[in-house]
Amino acid sequence: MQNIIKFDTLISAISAIIILLAISYIFYSRSGSTYSLYYRLWSLFVGDKKFYDENLETYMQERKDLDKFNAVFNTEAKTKSDLLRFHKRITKHGIDIKKISESKGNFDFYKLKMEKPSLTFSFITFLFSVGIFLFSLVIVAIGVSDKAMLKFHDEEPWVLINHEMAKPALSKYKITPETCKKDNYDVNKINRLTKLSPNTIEVICHSFDSKDDAKTIDKYIAGQKGLPWIAVLLLFVAFRIFIFSIRRFCARDYRVYLKNQYIKSRKAARTTVN
């Protein structure tokens, strides 16, 4: 019981660390830095809330404003001057800041222009994210399966096997203990149906009656139970790449939007003057 309590405590500690790291990553990905986060942590544990030098405190406040703006609006402004110029531009031309937020990483705050990402590369990253997503689903399926996934020979297909059956991963035909004990058992016929070599088929049939083979299969099945955690990581990677590609598509659309807004704003300004 004591060991179980210690194990639960360890899991709780690891979970807390993961949550803190996740919060830090989200904060950094949104604001572009962790200055404000460290500032608050320093204030919490040390107690000094401000810099004693007024110039340093003013600079810190500017950084906090910049981080806050980036985090709230999902932008990537680098300096206060960039931010003020950006604010003046969007106000003057009536630009929806949501368009800038949704294209994060593709708006140049120095030039105040939307970049035009490569359409081909955007499609490649999108398809890559879909591929990782589908691969992670396969890993999850293997991880929650009650069958070990083994490959007996390089030229043969992967085999799903437990104590009751065995089958190639992409085949419906199953080899069972009953199959191996039939009077009309034909290894060549099974070979044609499964693409498994006669030697592999014999090994599979032997595993149904062998305690040592059964233990080996159980070990493989137990080892596969950790695969869903790898799938979680892959799903996160797929999600980040998917968001990256979508932002590139948005940037291409919003580039036209910005151009139209500038034209409308200038026409409105001329009409007012006249």
C-alpha atoms as a PDB file:
ATOM      1  CA  MET A   1       0.000   0.000   0.000  1.00  0.00           C
ATOM      2  CA  GLN A   2       2.840   2.398   0.823  1.00  0.00           C
ATOM      3  CA  ASN A   3       4.393   1.808  -2.587  1.00  0.00           C
ATOM      4  CA  ILE A   4       1.052   2.559  -4.249  1.00  0.00           C
ATOM      5  CA  ILE A   5       0.786   5.853  -2.332  1.00  0.00           C
ATOM      6  CA  LYS A   6       4.320   6.806  -3.361  1.00  0.00           C
ATOM      7  CA  PHE A   7       3.506   5.925  -6.974  1.00  0.00           C
ATOM      8  CA  ASP A   8       0.347   8.071  -6.900  1.00  0.00           C
ATOM      9  CA  THR A   9       2.359  10.953  -5.457  1.00  0.00           C
ATOM     10  CA  LEU A  10       4.934  10.590  -8.226  1.00  0.00           C
ATOM     11  CA  ILE A  11       2.212  10.589 -10.900  1.00  0.00           C
ATOM     12  CA  SER A  12       0.641  13.709  -9.344  1.00  0.00           C
ATOM     13  CA  ALA A  13       3.996  15.485  -9.298  1.00  0.00           C
ATOM     14  CA  ILE A  14       4.717  14.578 -12.920  1.00  0.00           C
ATOM     15  CA  SER A  15       1.221  15.721 -13.935  1.00  0.00           C
ATOM     16  CA  ALA A  16       1.731  19.065 -12.181  1.00  0.00           C
ATOM     17  CA  ILE A  17       5.072  19.568 -13.952  1.00  0.00           C
ATOM     18  CA  ILE A  18       3.514  18.730 -17.321  1.00  0.00           C
ATOM     19  CA  ILE A  19       0.681  21.215 -16.681  1.00  0.00           C
ATOM     20  CA  LEU A  20       3.166  23.970 -15.741  1.00  0.00           C
ATOM     21  CA  LEU A  21       5.263  23.265 -18.833  1.00  0.00           C
ATOM     22  CA  ALA A  22       2.127  23.292 -20.992  1.00  0.00           C
ATOM     23  CA  ILE A  23       1.056  26.659 -19.538  1.00  0.00           C
ATOM     24  CA  SER A  24       4.541  28.080 -20.133  1.00  0.00           C
ATOM     25  CA  TYR A  25       4.546  26.831 -23.723  1.00  0.00           C
ATOM     26  CA  ILE A  26       1.072  28.235 -24.433  1.00  0.00           C
ATOM     27  CA  PHE A  27       2.085  31.559 -22.902  1.00  0.00           C
ATOM     28  CA  TYR A  28       5.285  31.678 -24.942  1.00  0.00           C
ATOM     29  CA  SER A  29       3.591  30.644 -28.192  1.00  0.00           C
ATOM     30  CA  ARG A  30       0.990  33.373 -27.748  1.00  0.00           C
ATOM     31  CA  SER A  31       3.098  36.268 -26.441  1.00  0.00           C
ATOM     32  CA  GLY A  32       6.459  35.458 -28.032  1.00  0.00           C
ATOM     33  CA  SER A  33       8.339  35.584 -24.708  1.00  0.00           C
ATOM     34  CA  THR A  34       8.074  34.600 -21.051  1.00  0.00           C
ATOM     35  CA  TYR A  35       9.263  37.885 -19.556  1.00  0.00           C
ATOM     36  CA  SER A  36       5.931  38.681 -17.946  1.00  0.00           C
ATOM     37  CA  LEU A  37       5.601  35.150 -16.598  1.00  0.00           C
ATOM     38  CA  TYR A  38       9.064  35.269 -14.983  1.00  0.00           C
ATOM     39  CA  TYR A  39       8.292  38.745 -13.681  1.00  0.00           C
ATOM     40  CA  ARG A  40       5.224  37.468 -11.861  1.00  0.00           C
ATOM     41  CA  LEU A  41       7.029  34.379 -10.554  1.00  0.00           C
ATOM     42  CA  TRP A  42       9.838  36.563  -9.224  1.00  0.00           C
ATOM     43  CA  SER A  43       7.286  38.811  -7.521  1.00  0.00           C
ATOM     44  CA  LEU A  44       5.509  35.795  -6.037  1.00  0.00           C
ATOM     45  CA  PHE A  45       8.577  34.060  -4.566  1.00  0.00           C
ATOM     46  CA  VAL A  46      10.959  36.948  -3.892  1.00  0.00           C
ATOM     47  CA  GLY A  47       8.525  39.737  -3.188  1.00  0.00           C
ATOM     48  CA  ASP A  48      10.048  42.633  -5.156  1.00  0.00           C
ATOM     49  CA  LYS A  49       7.308  43.712  -7.544  1.00  0.00           C
ATOM     50  CA  LYS A  50       9.128  46.541  -9.289  1.00  0.00           C
ATOM     51  CA  PHE A  51      12.574  47.584 -10.450  1.00  0.00           C
ATOM     52  CA  TYR A  52      14.096  50.262  -8.248  1.00  0.00           C
ATOM     53  CA  ASP A  53      15.409  52.139 -11.261  1.00  0.00           C
ATOM     54  CA  GLU A  54      12.564  54.077 -12.902  1.00  0.00           C
ATOM     55  CA  ASN A  55      13.956  53.620 -16.413  1.00  0.00           C
ATOM     56  CA  LEU A  56      14.118  49.845 -15.963  1.00  0.00           C
ATOM     57  CA  GLU A  57      10.607  49.770 -14.508  1.00  0.00           C
ATOM     58  CA  THR A  58       9.282  51.825 -17.447  1.00  0.00           C
ATOM     59  CA  TYR A  59      10.985  49.443 -19.860  1.00  0.00           C
ATOM     60  CA  MET A  60       9.501  46.435 -18.034  1.00  0.00           C
ATOM     61  CA  GLN A  61       6.022  47.920 -18.233  1.00  0.00           C
ATOM     62  CA  GLU A  62       6.469  48.413 -21.964  1.00  0.00           C
ATOM     63  CA  ARG A  63       7.519  44.770 -22.299  1.00  0.00           C
ATOM     64  CA  LYS A  64       4.456  43.699 -20.330  1.00  0.00           C
ATOM     65  CA  ASP A  65       2.206  45.744 -22.623  1.00  0.00           C
ATOM     66  CA  LEU A  66       3.874  44.187 -25.650  1.00  0.00           C
ATOM     67  CA  ASP A  67       3.587  40.630 -24.298  1.00  0.00           C
ATOM     68  CA  LYS A  68      -0.020  41.212 -23.291  1.00  0.00           C
ATOM     69  CA  PHE A  69      -0.933  42.547 -26.735  1.00  0.00           C
ATOM     70  CA  ASN A  70       0.782  39.640 -28.484  1.00  0.00           C
ATOM     71  CA  ALA A  71      -0.883  37.103 -26.193  1.00  0.00           C
ATOM     72  CA  VAL A  72      -4.384  38.593 -26.486  1.00  0.00           C
ATOM     73  CA  PHE A  73      -4.334  39.247 -30.241  1.00  0.00           C
ATOM     74  CA  ASN A  74      -1.993  36.376 -31.246  1.00  0.00           C
ATOM     75  CA  THR A  75       0.465  38.733 -32.937  1.00  0.00           C
ATOM     76  CA  GLU A  76       4.262  38.919 -33.107  1.00  0.00           C
ATOM     77  CA  ALA A  77       5.152  42.566 -32.546  1.00  0.00           C
ATOM     78  CA  LYS A  78       8.820  42.910 -31.509  1.00  0.00           C
ATOM     79  CA  THR A  79       9.043  46.482 -30.193  1.00  0.00           C
ATOM     80  CA  LYS A  80       6.755  49.166 -28.841  1.00  0.00           C
ATOM     81  CA  SER A  81       7.334  51.324 -31.911  1.00  0.00           C
ATOM     82  CA  ASP A  82       6.224  48.421 -34.139  1.00  0.00           C
ATOM     83  CA  LEU A  83       3.114  48.042 -32.037  1.00  0.00           C
ATOM     84  CA  LEU A  84       2.230  51.754 -32.145  1.00  0.00           C
ATOM     85  CA  ARG A  85       2.762  51.922 -35.902  1.00  0.00           C
ATOM     86  CA  PHE A  86       0.619  48.820 -36.322  1.00  0.00           C
ATOM     87  CA  HIS A  87      -2.165  50.264 -34.137  1.00  0.00           C
ATOM     88  CA  LYS A  88      -2.116  53.501 -36.120  1.00  0.00           C
ATOM     89  CA  ARG A  89      -2.306  51.610 -39.430  1.00  0.00           C
ATOM     90  CA  ILE A  90      -5.212  49.317 -38.542  1.00  0.00           C
ATOM     91  CA  THR A  91      -7.146  52.230 -37.039  1.00  0.00           C
ATOM     92  CA  LYS A  92      -6.566  54.427 -40.077  1.00  0.00           C
ATOM     93  CA  HIS A  93      -7.605  51.794 -42.625  1.00  0.00           C
ATOM     94  CA  GLY A  94     -10.286  50.013 -40.571  1.00  0.00           C
ATOM     95  CA  ILE A  95      -8.460  46.692 -40.637  1.00  0.00           C
ATOM     96  CA  ASP A  96      -9.949  43.788 -38.693  1.00  0.00           C
ATOM     97  CA  ILE A  97      -7.182  42.694 -36.312  1.00  0.00           C
ATOM     98  CA  LYS A  98      -8.685  39.192 -36.322  1.00  0.00           C
ATOM     99  CA  LYS A  99      -7.267  38.779 -39.822  1.00  0.00           C
ATOM    100  CA  ILE A 100      -3.773  39.481 -38.514  1.00  0.00           C
ATOM    101  CA  SER A 101      -4.271  37.125 -35.565  1.00  0.00           C
ATOM    102  CA  GLU A 102      -5.372  34.225 -37.759  1.00  0.00           C
ATOM    103  CA  SER A 103      -2.312  34.606 -39.998  1.00  0.00           C
ATOM    104  CA  LYS A 104       0.216  34.711 -37.154  1.00  0.00           C
ATOM    105  CA  GLY A 105       3.807  34.498 -38.328  1.00  0.00           C
ATOM    106  CA  ASN A 106       3.003  35.773 -41.818  1.00  0.00           C
ATOM    107  CA  PHE A 107       2.549  39.483 -41.069  1.00  0.00           C
ATOM    108  CA  ASP A 108       5.643  41.675 -41.146  1.00  0.00           C
ATOM    109  CA  PHE A 109       5.233  44.189 -38.309  1.00  0.00           C
ATOM    110  CA  TYR A 110       8.205  46.225 -39.506  1.00  0.00           C
ATOM    111  CA  LYS A 111       6.920  46.664 -43.073  1.00  0.00           C
ATOM    112  CA  LEU A 112       3.255  46.365 -42.023  1.00  0.00           C
ATOM    113  CA  LYS A 113       2.620  43.983 -44.902  1.00  0.00           C
ATOM    114  CA  MET A 114       1.181  40.501 -45.189  1.00  0.00           C
ATOM    115  CA  GLU A 115       3.579  37.983 -46.682  1.00  0.00           C
ATOM    116  CA  LYS A 116       2.512  35.668 -49.519  1.00  0.00           C
ATOM    117  CA  PRO A 117       3.393  32.097 -48.458  1.00  0.00           C
ATOM    118  CA  SER A 118       4.062  29.460 -51.092  1.00  0.00           C
ATOM    119  CA  LEU A 119       0.830  27.644 -51.953  1.00  0.00           C
ATOM    120  CA  THR A 120       2.711  24.429 -52.780  1.00  0.00           C
ATOM    121  CA  PHE A 121       4.548  24.340 -49.449  1.00  0.00           C
ATOM    122  CA  SER A 122       1.298  25.151 -47.626  1.00  0.00           C
ATOM    123  CA  PHE A 123      -0.389  22.125 -49.226  1.00  0.00           C
ATOM    124  CA  ILE A 124       2.629  19.936 -48.421  1.00  0.00           C
ATOM    125  CA  THR A 125       2.546  20.898 -44.729  1.00  0.00           C
ATOM    126  CA  PHE A 126      -1.222  20.382 -44.631  1.00  0.00           C
ATOM    127  CA  LEU A 127      -0.956  16.897 -46.145  1.00  0.00           C
ATOM    128  CA  PHE A 128       1.967  16.110 -43.832  1.00  0.00           C
ATOM    129  CA  SER A 129      -0.151  17.005 -40.789  1.00  0.00           C
ATOM    130  CA  VAL A 130      -2.949  14.746 -42.051  1.00  0.00           C
ATOM    131  CA  GLY A 131      -0.430  11.927 -42.572  1.00  0.00           C
ATOM    132  CA  ILE A 132       0.908  12.264 -39.010  1.00  0.00           C
ATOM    133  CA  PHE A 133      -2.663  12.339 -37.690  1.00  0.00           C
ATOM    134  CA  LEU A 134      -3.594   9.108 -39.490  1.00  0.00           C
ATOM    135  CA  PHE A 135      -0.342   7.457 -38.401  1.00  0.00           C
ATOM    136  CA  SER A 136      -1.045   8.383 -34.779  1.00  0.00           C
ATOM    137  CA  LEU A 137      -4.490   6.760 -35.050  1.00  0.00           C
ATOM    138  CA  VAL A 138      -2.809   3.546 -36.236  1.00  0.00           C
ATOM    139  CA  ILE A 139      -0.457   3.698 -33.241  1.00  0.00           C
ATOM    140  CA  VAL A 140      -3.404   4.180 -30.887  1.00  0.00           C
ATOM    141  CA  ALA A 141      -5.182   1.185 -32.445  1.00  0.00           C
ATOM    142  CA  ILE A 142      -2.083  -0.959 -31.914  1.00  0.00           C
ATOM    143  CA  GLY A 143      -1.640   0.312 -28.360  1.00  0.00           C
ATOM    144  CA  VAL A 144      -5.183  -0.540 -27.247  1.00  0.00           C
ATOM    145  CA  SER A 145      -5.272  -3.842 -29.132  1.00  0.00           C
ATOM    146  CA  ASP A 146      -5.151  -7.195 -27.351  1.00  0.00           C
ATOM    147  CA  LYS A 147      -2.874  -8.494 -30.119  1.00  0.00           C
ATOM    148  CA  ALA A 148       0.862  -8.133 -30.585  1.00  0.00           C
ATOM    149  CA  MET A 149       1.992  -6.714 -33.921  1.00  0.00           C
ATOM    150  CA  LEU A 150       5.006  -8.663 -35.150  1.00  0.00           C
ATOM    151  CA  LYS A 151       7.017  -9.040 -38.326  1.00  0.00           C
ATOM    152  CA  PHE A 152       8.620 -12.451 -38.714  1.00  0.00           C
ATOM    153  CA  HIS A 153      10.517 -11.740 -41.962  1.00  0.00           C
ATOM    154  CA  ASP A 154      11.254  -8.530 -43.866  1.00  0.00           C
ATOM    155  CA  GLU A 155       9.515  -9.678 -47.050  1.00  0.00           C
ATOM    156  CA  GLU A 156       6.345 -10.687 -45.194  1.00  0.00           C
ATOM    157  CA  PRO A 157       3.423  -8.561 -43.956  1.00  0.00           C
ATOM    158  CA  TRP A 158       3.009  -7.499 -40.327  1.00  0.00           C
ATOM    159  CA  VAL A 159       1.080 -10.021 -38.255  1.00  0.00           C
ATOM    160  CA  LEU A 160      -1.442  -9.398 -35.466  1.00  0.00           C
ATOM    161  CA  ILE A 161      -1.248 -12.299 -33.038  1.00  0.00           C
ATOM    162  CA  ASN A 162      -2.457 -13.399 -29.602  1.00  0.00           C
ATOM    163  CA  HIS A 163      -3.271 -16.761 -28.036  1.00  0.00           C
ATOM    164  CA  GLU A 164      -6.455 -17.323 -30.049  1.00  0.00           C
ATOM    165  CA  MET A 165      -5.600 -16.120 -33.551  1.00  0.00           C
ATOM    166  CA  ALA A 166      -3.099 -14.607 -35.940  1.00  0.00           C
ATOM    167  CA  LYS A 167      -3.676 -12.638 -39.141  1.00  0.00           C
ATOM    168  CA  PRO A 168      -1.767 -10.354 -41.503  1.00  0.00           C
ATOM    169  CA  ALA A 169      -2.512  -6.727 -40.619  1.00  0.00           C
ATOM    170  CA  LEU A 170      -4.307  -5.990 -43.904  1.00  0.00           C
ATOM    171  CA  SER A 171      -5.976  -9.387 -44.392  1.00  0.00           C
ATOM    172  CA  LYS A 172      -9.267 -10.803 -43.163  1.00  0.00           C
ATOM    173  CA  TYR A 173      -8.000 -14.396 -43.089  1.00  0.00           C
ATOM    174  CA  LYS A 174      -7.282 -15.675 -39.569  1.00  0.00           C
ATOM    175  CA  ILE A 175      -5.062 -18.519 -38.462  1.00  0.00           C
ATOM    176  CA  THR A 176      -6.498 -20.117 -35.314  1.00  0.00           C
ATOM    177  CA  PRO A 177      -5.530 -23.148 -33.215  1.00  0.00           C
ATOM    178  CA  GLU A 178      -8.404 -24.978 -34.928  1.00  0.00           C
ATOM    179  CA  THR A 179      -6.943 -24.100 -38.330  1.00  0.00           C
ATOM    180  CA  CYS A 180      -3.627 -25.718 -37.391  1.00  0.00           C
ATOM    181  CA  LYS A 181      -5.314 -28.887 -36.091  1.00  0.00           C
ATOM    182  CA  LYS A 182      -7.621 -29.558 -39.033  1.00  0.00           C
ATOM    183  CA  ASP A 183      -7.261 -32.881 -40.810  1.00  0.00           C
ATOM    184  CA  ASN A 184      -7.120 -31.088 -44.149  1.00  0.00           C
ATOM    185  CA  TYR A 185      -4.566 -28.540 -42.870  1.00  0.00           C
ATOM    186  CA  ASP A 186      -2.798 -27.165 -45.954  1.00  0.00           C
ATOM    187  CA  VAL A 187       0.152 -24.842 -45.304  1.00  0.00           C
ATOM    188  CA  ASN A 188       0.410 -23.954 -48.997  1.00  0.00           C
ATOM    189  CA  LYS A 189      -3.205 -22.809 -49.106  1.00  0.00           C
ATOM    190  CA  ILE A 190      -2.647 -20.611 -46.035  1.00  0.00           C
ATOM    191  CA  ASN A 191       0.485 -19.274 -47.681  1.00  0.00           C
ATOM    192  CA  ARG A 192      -1.535 -18.160 -50.727  1.00  0.00           C
ATOM    193  CA  LEU A 193      -4.200 -16.511 -48.552  1.00  0.00           C
ATOM    194  CA  THR A 194      -1.880 -14.733 -46.116  1.00  0.00           C
ATOM    195  CA  LYS A 195       1.384 -14.212 -48.060  1.00  0.00           C
ATOM    196  CA  LEU A 196       3.175 -15.700 -45.040  1.00  0.00           C
ATOM    197  CA  SER A 197       5.914 -18.234 -45.619  1.00  0.00           C
ATOM    198  CA  PRO A 198       5.298 -21.877 -44.621  1.00  0.00           C
ATOM    199  CA  ASN A 199       7.972 -21.508 -41.935  1.00  0.00           C
ATOM    200  CA  THR A 200       6.185 -18.490 -40.408  1.00  0.00           C
ATOM    201  CA  ILE A 201       2.864 -20.337 -40.480  1.00  0.00           C
ATOM    202  CA  GLU A 202       4.449 -23.266 -38.628  1.00  0.00           C
ATOM    203  CA  VAL A 203       5.899 -20.889 -36.029  1.00  0.00           C
ATOM    204  CA  ILE A 204       2.465 -19.307 -35.524  1.00  0.00           C
ATOM    205  CA  CYS A 205       0.796 -22.682 -35.111  1.00  0.00           C
ATOM    206  CA  HIS A 206       3.463 -23.736 -32.629  1.00  0.00           C
ATOM    207  CA  SER A 207       2.929 -20.539 -30.598  1.00  0.00           C
ATOM    208  CA  PHE A 208      -0.674 -21.534 -29.821  1.00  0.00           C
ATOM    209  CA  ASP A 209       0.553 -24.521 -27.797  1.00  0.00           C
ATOM    210  CA  SER A 210       3.824 -23.113 -26.433  1.00  0.00           C
ATOM    211  CA  LYS A 211       3.841 -21.480 -22.984  1.00  0.00           C
ATOM    212  CA  ASP A 212       7.147 -19.750 -23.743  1.00  0.00           C
ATOM    213  CA  ASP A 213       5.769 -18.276 -26.969  1.00  0.00           C
ATOM    214  CA  ALA A 214       2.624 -17.221 -25.111  1.00  0.00           C
ATOM    215  CA  LYS A 215       4.732 -15.328 -22.556  1.00  0.00           C
ATOM    216  CA  THR A 216       6.703 -13.663 -25.348  1.00  0.00           C
ATOM    217  CA  ILE A 217       3.494 -12.539 -27.069  1.00  0.00           C
ATOM    218  CA  ASP A 218       2.169 -11.175 -23.752  1.00  0.00           C
ATOM    219  CA  LYS A 219       5.361  -9.151 -23.322  1.00  0.00           C
ATOM    220  CA  TYR A 220       4.942  -7.605 -26.767  1.00  0.00           C
ATOM    221  CA  ILE A 221       1.300  -6.766 -26.028  1.00  0.00           C
ATOM    222  CA  ALA A 222       2.282  -5.160 -22.704  1.00  0.00           C
ATOM    223  CA  GLY A 223       5.022  -3.176 -24.413  1.00  0.00           C
ATOM    224  CA  GLN A 224       2.536  -1.820 -26.960  1.00  0.00           C
ATOM    225  CA  LYS A 225       0.400  -0.301 -24.174  1.00  0.00           C
ATOM    226  CA  GLY A 226       2.767   2.677 -24.033  1.00  0.00           C
ATOM    227  CA  LEU A 227       2.209   3.542 -27.703  1.00  0.00           C
ATOM    228  CA  PRO A 228      -0.851   5.800 -27.087  1.00  0.00           C
ATOM    229  CA  TRP A 229       1.437   8.220 -25.212  1.00  0.00           C
ATOM    230  CA  ILE A 230       3.607   8.464 -28.316  1.00  0.00           C
ATOM    231  CA  ALA A 231       0.409   8.995 -30.309  1.00  0.00           C
ATOM    232  CA  VAL A 232      -0.497  11.941 -28.068  1.00  0.00           C
ATOM    233  CA  LEU A 233       2.835  13.566 -28.895  1.00  0.00           C
ATOM    234  CA  LEU A 234       2.328  12.890 -32.605  1.00  0.00           C
ATOM    235  CA  LEU A 235      -1.193  14.327 -32.445  1.00  0.00           C
ATOM    236  CA  PHE A 236       0.211  17.486 -30.880  1.00  0.00           C
ATOM    237  CA  VAL A 237       2.829  17.739 -33.642  1.00  0.00           C
ATOM    238  CA  ALA A 238       0.131  17.141 -36.273  1.00  0.00           C
ATOM    239  CA  PHE A 239      -2.032  19.851 -34.713  1.00  0.00           C
ATOM    240  CA  ARG A 240       0.820  22.391 -34.696  1.00  0.00           C
ATOM    241  CA  ILE A 241       1.722  21.660 -38.328  1.00  0.00           C
ATOM    242  CA  PHE A 242      -1.962  21.823 -39.287  1.00  0.00           C
ATOM    243  CA  ILE A 243      -2.316  25.252 -37.632  1.00  0.00           C
ATOM    244  CA  PHE A 244       0.902  26.360 -39.353  1.00  0.00           C
ATOM    245  CA  SER A 245      -0.479  25.408 -42.776  1.00  0.00           C
ATOM    246  CA  ILE A 246      -3.904  26.990 -42.117  1.00  0.00           C
ATOM    247  CA  ARG A 247      -2.246  30.259 -41.114  1.00  0.00           C
ATOM    248  CA  ARG A 248      -0.375  30.252 -44.404  1.00  0.00           C
ATOM    249  CA  PHE A 249      -3.631  29.780 -46.326  1.00  0.00           C
ATOM    250  CA  CYS A 250      -5.204  32.587 -44.288  1.00  0.00           C
ATOM    251  CA  ALA A 251      -2.254  34.865 -45.037  1.00  0.00           C
ATOM    252  CA  ARG A 252      -2.790  34.454 -48.780  1.00  0.00           C
ATOM    253  CA  ASP A 253      -6.478  35.371 -48.443  1.00  0.00           C
ATOM    254  CA  TYR A 254      -5.919  38.225 -46.011  1.00  0.00           C
ATOM    255  CA  ARG A 255      -3.208  39.709 -48.198  1.00  0.00           C
ATOM    256  CA  VAL A 256      -5.938  40.498 -50.707  1.00  0.00           C
ATOM    257  CA  TYR A 257      -8.153  41.743 -47.867  1.00  0.00           C
ATOM    258  CA  LEU A 258      -5.494  44.229 -46.688  1.00  0.00           C
ATOM    259  CA  LYS A 259      -4.963  45.502 -50.215  1.00  0.00           C
ATOM    260  CA  ASN A 260      -8.712  46.111 -50.609  1.00  0.00           C
ATOM    261  CA  GLN A 261      -8.906  47.855 -47.238  1.00  0.00           C
ATOM    262  CA  TYR A 262      -6.090  50.206 -48.217  1.00  0.00           C
ATOM    263  CA  ILE A 263      -7.858  51.018 -51.497  1.00  0.00           C
ATOM    264  CA  LYS A 264     -11.198  51.644 -49.754  1.00  0.00           C
ATOM    265  CA  SER A 265      -9.535  53.823 -47.128  1.00  0.00           C
ATOM    266  CA  ARG A 266      -7.764  55.951 -49.726  1.00  0.00           C
ATOM    267  CA  LYS A 267     -10.922  56.376 -51.789  1.00  0.00           C
ATOM    268  CA  ALA A 268     -12.832  57.398 -48.678  1.00  0.00           C
ATOM    269  CA  ALA A 269     -10.098  59.909 -47.819  1.00  0.00           C
ATOM    270  CA  ARG A 270     -10.249  61.465 -51.321  1.00  0.00           C
ATOM    271  CA  THR A 271     -14.034  61.671 -51.161  1.00  0.00           C
ATOM    272  CA  THR A 272     -13.816  63.478 -47.820  1.00  0.00           C
ATOM    273  CA  VAL A 273     -11.282  65.962 -49.170  1.00  0.00           C
ATOM    274  CA  ASN A 274     -13.396  66.709 -52.248  1.00  0.00           C
END
